[in-house]
Amino acid sequence: MPPTFASPAALAACATAVALTLAGCGSDTKTASSSTPSTPPVASSITDMTAPATPLAPPGTTAPAASCPTAAPATGGTPEWTLRSTTGSVAVTGSTATAAPRVTVEAPFSVNQTQVHTLQAGDGPVVAQTATVSVCYMGVNGRDGSVFDSSYERGEPVDFPLTGVVTGFQKAIAGQKVGSTVAVAMTSADGYPDGEPRAGIQPGDSLIFAIKILGAS
């Protein structure tokens, strides 16, 4: 969903996904979630035009992990972040070493200001605003709770420069430490103000991402 895909995320080379794209079919109902999209990922992405072809981590930087966990998250437990809006709410639990994150939405959910929450703090270097990063992520549309894209579903991280993704993704990652798991609820203005039809995102849709920062350079 970079501002250029209008711009979060296609995989280098075989590119399949949408990374910061937003999805959804309107719905006035209640819930959603999870690590498994009901439809295949949209074929466009956060980094359609910017995915680097070379490794992210030269000497002195943190090397990214090779894969994203694909197992469904455990049920139950207390969410690591809960955020309520005037019409709905979102509850997020970050990924583990073996399972994808859980994002549960009481729809419709929207925010009027982008909010970032660190679910699990890493101990790596701080990510610069102009860094190229490697992440695992899942994106959910607040309007109907649908998963519009997930690198966890594909089992592969996505590499992209922060200067090539939508503003909300930049706000979520820049300033965090490598190894951190973060969640962001972004406004339409920080995502796709004009919508992104390929991902089912409509103008005005707020998006929620659960992101694991694997590496940065």
Protein backbone atom coordinates (compact mmCIF):
# COMPACT_ATOMS: atom_id res chain seq x y z
CA MET A 1 0.00 0.00 0.00
CA PRO A 2 2.61 2.45 -0.67
CA PRO A 3 1.62 5.84 -1.64
CA THR A 4 2.78 4.90 -5.05
CA PHE A 5 0.52 2.04 -5.79
CA ALA A 6 -1.01 4.26 -5.48
CA SER A 7 1.73 2.60 -4.15
CA PRO A 8 1.57 -2.07 1.69
CA ALA A 9 3.28 -5.46 -0.77
CA ALA A 10 4.30 -7.53 -3.51
CA LEU A 11 6.87 -10.16 -3.26
CA ALA A 12 10.06 -9.70 -5.19
CA ALA A 13 10.15 -11.69 -8.36
CA CYS A 14 6.98 -13.77 -8.37
CA ALA A 15 5.02 -11.08 -6.74
CA THR A 16 1.71 -12.15 -5.47
CA ALA A 17 0.34 -9.81 -3.02
CA VAL A 18 -0.93 -6.63 -1.95
CA ALA A 19 0.89 -5.50 1.02
CA LEU A 20 -0.56 -2.37 2.18
CA THR A 21 -3.64 -2.52 0.21
CA LEU A 22 -6.96 -2.55 1.74
CA ALA A 23 -9.84 -4.80 1.22
CA GLY A 24 -13.36 -5.23 1.89
CA CYS A 25 -16.92 -5.56 0.89
CA GLY A 26 -19.17 -3.45 2.91
CA SER A 27 -20.97 -5.02 5.73
CA ASP A 28 -22.90 -3.65 8.61
CA THR A 29 -22.02 -6.55 10.77
CA LYS A 30 -19.96 -7.57 13.33
CA THR A 31 -16.85 -9.49 13.32
CA ALA A 32 -14.02 -10.80 11.48
CA SER A 33 -10.54 -11.81 11.86
CA SER A 34 -7.81 -13.95 11.21
CA SER A 35 -4.89 -15.19 9.42
CA THR A 36 -6.72 -16.78 6.54
CA PRO A 37 -8.27 -14.59 3.83
CA SER A 38 -11.53 -15.79 2.35
CA THR A 39 -10.27 -14.97 -1.13
CA PRO A 40 -6.81 -15.14 -2.68
CA PRO A 41 -4.52 -12.15 -2.17
CA VAL A 42 -4.98 -9.33 -4.62
CA ALA A 43 -2.33 -9.27 -7.29
CA SER A 44 -0.81 -5.91 -6.63
CA SER A 45 1.01 -4.71 -3.64
CA ILE A 46 2.77 -2.49 -1.35
CA THR A 47 5.89 -2.79 -3.16
CA ASP A 48 4.85 -3.61 -6.66
CA MET A 49 7.43 -1.28 -8.04
CA THR A 50 9.97 -1.12 -5.28
CA ALA A 51 10.79 -4.60 -3.98
CA PRO A 52 14.58 -4.92 -3.80
CA ALA A 53 16.23 -7.77 -5.67
CA THR A 54 19.24 -8.04 -3.38
CA PRO A 55 19.55 -9.14 0.26
CA LEU A 56 18.53 -6.59 2.85
CA ALA A 57 21.30 -7.09 5.32
CA PRO A 58 24.88 -6.18 4.47
CA PRO A 59 27.52 -6.54 7.21
CA GLY A 60 26.55 -4.70 10.38
CA THR A 61 22.79 -4.89 9.90
CA THR A 62 20.19 -7.37 11.09
CA ALA A 63 19.51 -10.25 8.73
CA PRO A 64 15.82 -10.96 8.04
CA ALA A 65 14.19 -14.30 8.81
CA ALA A 66 13.51 -16.63 5.94
CA SER A 67 9.80 -17.23 6.44
CA CYS A 68 6.58 -16.15 8.12
CA PRO A 69 4.68 -18.66 10.30
CA THR A 70 1.57 -19.99 8.59
CA ALA A 71 -0.21 -21.83 11.42
CA ALA A 72 -3.49 -20.39 12.64
CA PRO A 73 -3.25 -18.45 15.90
CA ALA A 74 -4.44 -20.04 19.12
CA THR A 75 -7.95 -19.23 20.20
CA GLY A 76 -8.77 -17.44 23.42
CA GLY A 77 -6.38 -15.47 25.55
CA THR A 78 -6.20 -11.75 26.16
CA PRO A 79 -5.45 -9.55 23.10
CA GLU A 80 -2.23 -7.56 23.25
CA TRP A 81 -4.04 -4.47 21.98
CA THR A 82 -7.71 -3.49 22.00
CA LEU A 83 -8.94 -0.28 20.41
CA ARG A 84 -12.52 0.96 20.31
CA SER A 85 -14.04 3.43 17.89
CA THR A 86 -17.45 5.05 17.92
CA THR A 87 -18.93 2.22 15.88
CA GLY A 88 -16.74 -0.83 16.48
CA SER A 89 -13.51 -2.20 17.88
CA VAL A 90 -10.40 -4.13 16.98
CA ALA A 91 -8.39 -6.62 19.07
CA VAL A 92 -4.90 -7.68 17.98
CA THR A 93 -2.57 -10.42 19.15
CA GLY A 94 0.82 -10.55 17.45
CA SER A 95 2.40 -13.51 15.74
CA THR A 96 4.59 -16.05 17.53
CA ALA A 97 7.48 -18.14 16.28
CA THR A 98 4.99 -20.71 15.00
CA ALA A 99 1.64 -18.95 14.48
CA ALA A 100 0.25 -16.02 12.52
CA PRO A 101 -1.27 -13.00 14.31
CA ARG A 102 -4.93 -12.68 15.21
CA VAL A 103 -6.88 -9.54 14.29
CA THR A 104 -10.52 -9.54 15.34
CA VAL A 105 -12.77 -6.71 14.19
CA GLU A 106 -16.19 -5.68 15.38
CA ALA A 107 -17.24 -3.88 12.22
CA PRO A 108 -17.54 -1.27 11.06
CA PHE A 109 -14.38 0.03 12.69
CA SER A 110 -12.69 3.30 11.82
CA VAL A 111 -10.26 5.80 13.29
CA ASN A 112 -9.90 9.54 12.75
CA GLN A 113 -6.23 9.46 13.72
CA THR A 114 -3.65 6.78 12.92
CA GLN A 115 -2.63 4.84 16.03
CA VAL A 116 0.39 2.57 16.48
CA HIS A 117 0.89 0.09 19.30
CA THR A 118 3.99 -2.00 20.04
CA LEU A 119 2.74 -5.51 20.79
CA GLN A 120 6.15 -7.05 21.49
CA ALA A 121 9.32 -4.94 21.67
CA GLY A 122 12.37 -6.16 19.78
CA ASP A 123 16.00 -5.67 20.77
CA GLY A 124 17.52 -4.89 17.39
CA PRO A 125 18.57 -1.54 15.91
CA VAL A 126 16.05 1.26 15.51
CA VAL A 127 14.49 1.38 12.04
CA ALA A 128 15.27 4.62 10.20
CA GLN A 129 12.58 6.45 8.24
CA THR A 130 14.39 5.73 4.97
CA ALA A 131 15.31 2.10 5.74
CA THR A 132 14.56 -0.88 3.56
CA VAL A 133 12.85 -3.46 5.72
CA SER A 134 11.80 -7.09 5.69
CA VAL A 135 8.48 -7.82 7.41
CA CYS A 136 5.72 -10.33 7.90
CA TYR A 137 2.33 -8.63 7.94
CA MET A 138 -1.41 -9.12 7.83
CA GLY A 139 -3.81 -6.40 6.66
CA VAL A 140 -7.48 -6.18 7.65
CA ASN A 141 -10.17 -3.77 6.45
CA GLY A 142 -11.96 -2.06 9.34
CA ARG A 143 -15.12 -1.59 7.31
CA ASP A 144 -16.00 -5.28 7.24
CA GLY A 145 -13.19 -7.09 9.06
CA SER A 146 -11.95 -8.90 5.96
CA VAL A 147 -8.29 -9.85 5.51
CA PHE A 148 -7.17 -8.23 2.29
CA ASP A 149 -3.59 -9.42 2.27
CA SER A 150 -1.26 -11.53 4.41
CA SER A 151 2.35 -12.56 3.97
CA TYR A 152 1.66 -15.07 6.76
CA GLU A 153 -0.75 -16.77 4.40
CA ARG A 154 2.04 -17.06 1.84
CA GLY A 155 4.70 -17.97 4.39
CA GLU A 156 7.19 -15.44 3.00
CA PRO A 157 8.32 -12.04 4.28
CA VAL A 158 8.14 -8.96 2.10
CA ASP A 159 11.03 -6.55 1.50
CA PHE A 160 10.47 -2.89 0.66
CA PRO A 161 11.79 0.62 1.28
CA LEU A 162 9.71 2.66 3.74
CA THR A 163 9.79 5.49 1.23
CA GLY A 164 7.73 3.30 -1.13
CA VAL A 165 4.73 2.45 1.06
CA VAL A 166 1.67 4.26 2.34
CA THR A 167 2.11 6.74 5.18
CA GLY A 168 0.38 4.56 7.79
CA PHE A 169 2.87 1.74 7.20
CA GLN A 170 5.76 4.16 7.55
CA LYS A 171 4.35 5.45 10.84
CA ALA A 172 4.00 1.89 12.13
CA ILE A 173 7.59 0.80 11.40
CA ALA A 174 9.93 3.81 11.49
CA GLY A 175 11.34 4.32 14.99
CA GLN A 176 10.59 0.74 16.08
CA LYS A 177 13.35 -1.76 16.84
CA VAL A 178 14.08 -4.71 14.57
CA GLY A 179 12.44 -7.78 16.09
CA SER A 180 9.38 -5.84 17.25
CA THR A 181 5.82 -6.83 16.53
CA VAL A 182 3.55 -3.83 16.04
CA ALA A 183 -0.04 -3.06 15.14
CA VAL A 184 -1.38 0.01 13.39
CA ALA A 185 -4.91 1.27 12.84
CA MET A 186 -4.60 3.80 10.05
CA THR A 187 -6.94 6.39 8.67
CA SER A 188 -7.99 6.33 5.06
CA ALA A 189 -5.82 9.41 4.49
CA ASP A 190 -2.76 7.48 5.68
CA GLY A 191 -3.72 4.44 3.61
CA TYR A 192 -5.73 4.74 0.40
CA PRO A 193 -7.81 7.92 0.47
CA ASP A 194 -9.10 7.20 -3.04
CA GLY A 195 -9.56 3.50 -2.34
CA GLU A 196 -7.74 0.58 -3.96
CA PRO A 197 -10.21 -1.46 -6.01
CA ARG A 198 -7.74 -4.30 -6.61
CA ALA A 199 -7.71 -4.93 -2.88
CA GLY A 200 -11.39 -4.21 -2.26
CA ILE A 201 -10.58 -1.00 -0.40
CA GLN A 202 -13.07 1.81 -0.68
CA PRO A 203 -12.49 5.54 -0.08
CA GLY A 204 -12.79 6.18 3.66
CA ASP A 205 -11.81 2.67 4.78
CA SER A 206 -9.60 2.46 7.87
CA LEU A 207 -7.04 -0.35 7.78
CA ILE A 208 -5.46 -2.45 10.50
CA PHE A 209 -2.07 -4.17 10.15
CA ALA A 210 -0.24 -6.61 12.40
CA ILE A 211 3.46 -6.44 11.46
CA LYS A 212 6.59 -8.32 12.52
CA ILE A 213 9.82 -6.45 11.70
CA LEU A 214 12.38 -9.04 10.70
CA GLY A 215 15.24 -6.95 9.37
CA ALA A 216 16.28 -3.49 8.22
CA SER A 217 19.13 -1.91 6.29
